[in-house]
Amino acid sequence: MDKNDMKYNASGCRDVVAERAIKNADRTPREVTELMDVIKKISGAYGYDVEGRITFRNKRTNIIYR
């Protein structure tokens, strides 16, 4: 067991509820994933590839997705 593994609580027992909560909190929203797919398809249609990281910032929440 890794000391920094989020699957386990402080006593060393696996914490499934916390594991799911962390996984869901870290998940990129579907709309951001769809936006990235659209950008890649448009650039491909024009004969370009996306090179490097594209960063999105939600205007309402100011959360940054990379």
N, C-alpha and C. Protein backbone atom coordinates (compact mmCIF):
# COMPACT_ATOMS: atom_id res chain seq x y z
N MET A 1 0.85 -1.20 0.00
CA MET A 1 0.00 0.00 0.00
C MET A 1 0.88 1.24 0.00
N ASP A 2 0.61 2.12 -0.93
CA ASP A 2 1.33 3.39 -1.03
C ASP A 2 0.76 4.37 -0.01
N LYS A 3 1.63 5.06 0.68
CA LYS A 3 1.21 6.01 1.71
C LYS A 3 0.30 7.11 1.14
N ASN A 4 0.52 7.51 -0.11
CA ASN A 4 -0.25 8.58 -0.73
C ASN A 4 -1.43 8.07 -1.55
N ASP A 5 -1.72 6.78 -1.50
CA ASP A 5 -2.81 6.21 -2.27
C ASP A 5 -4.14 6.65 -1.67
N MET A 6 -4.98 7.30 -2.49
CA MET A 6 -6.25 7.84 -2.00
C MET A 6 -7.32 6.77 -1.82
N LYS A 7 -7.02 5.53 -2.18
CA LYS A 7 -7.99 4.44 -2.03
C LYS A 7 -8.11 4.00 -0.57
N TYR A 8 -7.14 4.37 0.25
CA TYR A 8 -7.10 3.89 1.62
C TYR A 8 -7.22 5.05 2.61
N ASN A 9 -7.90 4.78 3.72
CA ASN A 9 -8.03 5.82 4.74
C ASN A 9 -6.82 5.78 5.68
N ALA A 10 -6.84 6.57 6.72
CA ALA A 10 -5.68 6.71 7.61
C ALA A 10 -5.34 5.41 8.33
N SER A 11 -6.34 4.56 8.55
CA SER A 11 -6.06 3.30 9.25
C SER A 11 -5.61 2.19 8.31
N GLY A 12 -5.54 2.47 7.02
CA GLY A 12 -5.04 1.51 6.05
C GLY A 12 -6.12 0.67 5.39
N CYS A 13 -7.38 0.91 5.74
CA CYS A 13 -8.50 0.18 5.13
C CYS A 13 -8.94 0.89 3.85
N ARG A 14 -9.37 0.11 2.89
CA ARG A 14 -9.82 0.69 1.63
C ARG A 14 -11.13 1.44 1.86
N ASP A 15 -11.21 2.65 1.34
CA ASP A 15 -12.39 3.50 1.49
C ASP A 15 -13.00 3.72 0.11
N VAL A 16 -13.96 2.89 -0.26
CA VAL A 16 -14.56 2.90 -1.59
C VAL A 16 -15.35 4.19 -1.84
N VAL A 17 -16.04 4.68 -0.83
CA VAL A 17 -16.84 5.90 -0.99
C VAL A 17 -15.94 7.09 -1.29
N ALA A 18 -14.87 7.25 -0.55
CA ALA A 18 -13.94 8.36 -0.80
C ALA A 18 -13.26 8.20 -2.15
N GLU A 19 -12.94 6.95 -2.51
CA GLU A 19 -12.30 6.70 -3.81
C GLU A 19 -13.21 7.16 -4.96
N ARG A 20 -14.49 6.81 -4.89
CA ARG A 20 -15.44 7.23 -5.93
C ARG A 20 -15.61 8.75 -5.96
N ALA A 21 -15.68 9.36 -4.78
CA ALA A 21 -15.86 10.81 -4.71
C ALA A 21 -14.68 11.54 -5.33
N ILE A 22 -13.48 11.08 -5.05
CA ILE A 22 -12.28 11.71 -5.60
C ILE A 22 -12.23 11.51 -7.11
N LYS A 23 -12.57 10.31 -7.57
CA LYS A 23 -12.56 10.02 -8.99
C LYS A 23 -13.56 10.92 -9.73
N ASN A 24 -14.76 11.09 -9.17
CA ASN A 24 -15.77 11.94 -9.81
C ASN A 24 -15.38 13.41 -9.78
N ALA A 25 -14.72 13.85 -8.71
CA ALA A 25 -14.32 15.25 -8.61
C ALA A 25 -13.21 15.58 -9.60
N ASP A 26 -12.36 14.59 -9.89
CA ASP A 26 -11.24 14.81 -10.81
C ASP A 26 -11.63 14.65 -12.28
N ARG A 27 -12.82 14.17 -12.54
CA ARG A 27 -13.24 13.91 -13.91
C ARG A 27 -13.49 15.22 -14.67
N THR A 28 -13.01 15.25 -15.91
CA THR A 28 -13.25 16.41 -16.77
C THR A 28 -14.71 16.38 -17.21
N PRO A 29 -15.41 17.50 -17.14
CA PRO A 29 -16.82 17.53 -17.56
C PRO A 29 -16.99 17.11 -19.02
N ARG A 30 -18.11 16.49 -19.30
CA ARG A 30 -18.41 16.00 -20.64
C ARG A 30 -18.35 17.12 -21.67
N GLU A 31 -18.82 18.30 -21.32
CA GLU A 31 -18.84 19.41 -22.28
C GLU A 31 -17.43 19.81 -22.69
N VAL A 32 -16.47 19.73 -21.77
CA VAL A 32 -15.09 20.07 -22.10
C VAL A 32 -14.49 19.01 -23.02
N THR A 33 -14.79 17.74 -22.73
CA THR A 33 -14.32 16.65 -23.59
C THR A 33 -14.90 16.78 -24.99
N GLU A 34 -16.18 17.09 -25.09
CA GLU A 34 -16.82 17.28 -26.40
C GLU A 34 -16.23 18.47 -27.13
N LEU A 35 -15.96 19.54 -26.43
CA LEU A 35 -15.35 20.73 -27.04
C LEU A 35 -13.99 20.40 -27.61
N MET A 36 -13.19 19.63 -26.88
CA MET A 36 -11.88 19.23 -27.37
C MET A 36 -12.01 18.38 -28.63
N ASP A 37 -12.97 17.47 -28.65
CA ASP A 37 -13.19 16.64 -29.84
C ASP A 37 -13.56 17.49 -31.05
N VAL A 38 -14.41 18.48 -30.85
CA VAL A 38 -14.83 19.36 -31.94
C VAL A 38 -13.63 20.15 -32.48
N ILE A 39 -12.81 20.67 -31.58
CA ILE A 39 -11.64 21.44 -32.01
C ILE A 39 -10.68 20.56 -32.81
N LYS A 40 -10.47 19.32 -32.37
CA LYS A 40 -9.59 18.41 -33.09
C LYS A 40 -10.16 18.07 -34.47
N LYS A 41 -11.47 17.87 -34.57
CA LYS A 41 -12.09 17.55 -35.85
C LYS A 41 -12.03 18.73 -36.82
N ILE A 42 -12.25 19.92 -36.31
CA ILE A 42 -12.20 21.12 -37.16
C ILE A 42 -10.77 21.34 -37.66
N SER A 43 -9.80 21.21 -36.76
CA SER A 43 -8.42 21.42 -37.19
C SER A 43 -8.00 20.34 -38.20
N GLY A 44 -8.48 19.12 -38.02
CA GLY A 44 -8.18 18.05 -38.96
C GLY A 44 -8.81 18.30 -40.32
N ALA A 45 -10.01 18.86 -40.32
CA ALA A 45 -10.69 19.17 -41.59
C ALA A 45 -9.94 20.24 -42.37
N TYR A 46 -9.25 21.11 -41.67
CA TYR A 46 -8.46 22.16 -42.32
C TYR A 46 -7.01 21.73 -42.58
N GLY A 47 -6.69 20.47 -42.24
CA GLY A 47 -5.36 19.96 -42.51
C GLY A 47 -4.34 20.24 -41.42
N TYR A 48 -4.81 20.46 -40.21
CA TYR A 48 -3.91 20.74 -39.10
C TYR A 48 -4.11 19.72 -37.98
N ASP A 49 -3.08 19.55 -37.16
CA ASP A 49 -3.16 18.75 -35.96
C ASP A 49 -2.99 19.66 -34.76
N VAL A 50 -3.62 19.29 -33.66
CA VAL A 50 -3.44 20.03 -32.42
C VAL A 50 -2.15 19.54 -31.79
N GLU A 51 -1.21 20.44 -31.58
CA GLU A 51 0.08 20.12 -30.97
C GLU A 51 0.17 20.86 -29.64
N GLY A 52 0.26 20.13 -28.59
CA GLY A 52 0.38 20.78 -27.29
C GLY A 52 -0.95 20.82 -26.55
N ARG A 53 -0.91 21.48 -25.44
CA ARG A 53 -2.05 21.49 -24.53
C ARG A 53 -2.96 22.68 -24.83
N ILE A 54 -4.25 22.41 -24.81
CA ILE A 54 -5.25 23.47 -24.91
C ILE A 54 -5.88 23.62 -23.52
N THR A 55 -5.99 24.82 -23.04
CA THR A 55 -6.53 25.09 -21.72
C THR A 55 -7.87 25.80 -21.85
N PHE A 56 -8.84 25.33 -21.07
CA PHE A 56 -10.16 25.96 -21.04
C PHE A 56 -10.42 26.48 -19.64
N ARG A 57 -11.04 27.67 -19.56
CA ARG A 57 -11.45 28.23 -18.27
C ARG A 57 -12.94 28.48 -18.31
N ASN A 58 -13.65 27.92 -17.35
CA ASN A 58 -15.08 28.14 -17.24
C ASN A 58 -15.31 29.58 -16.78
N LYS A 59 -16.02 30.36 -17.56
CA LYS A 59 -16.23 31.78 -17.23
C LYS A 59 -17.05 31.96 -15.95
N ARG A 60 -17.95 31.02 -15.68
CA ARG A 60 -18.81 31.14 -14.52
C ARG A 60 -18.10 30.74 -13.23
N THR A 61 -17.35 29.63 -13.26
CA THR A 61 -16.72 29.10 -12.05
C THR A 61 -15.24 29.41 -11.93
N ASN A 62 -14.62 29.86 -13.03
CA ASN A 62 -13.18 30.12 -13.11
C ASN A 62 -12.33 28.85 -12.92
N ILE A 63 -12.93 27.68 -13.10
CA ILE A 63 -12.17 26.42 -13.03
C ILE A 63 -11.43 26.25 -14.36
N ILE A 64 -10.17 25.88 -14.27
CA ILE A 64 -9.34 25.69 -15.46
C ILE A 64 -9.20 24.20 -15.74
N TYR A 65 -9.44 23.83 -17.00
CA TYR A 65 -9.29 22.44 -17.43
C TYR A 65 -8.16 22.38 -18.44
N ARG A 66 -7.27 21.42 -18.24
CA ARG A 66 -6.11 21.26 -19.12
C ARG A 66 -6.13 19.91 -19.75
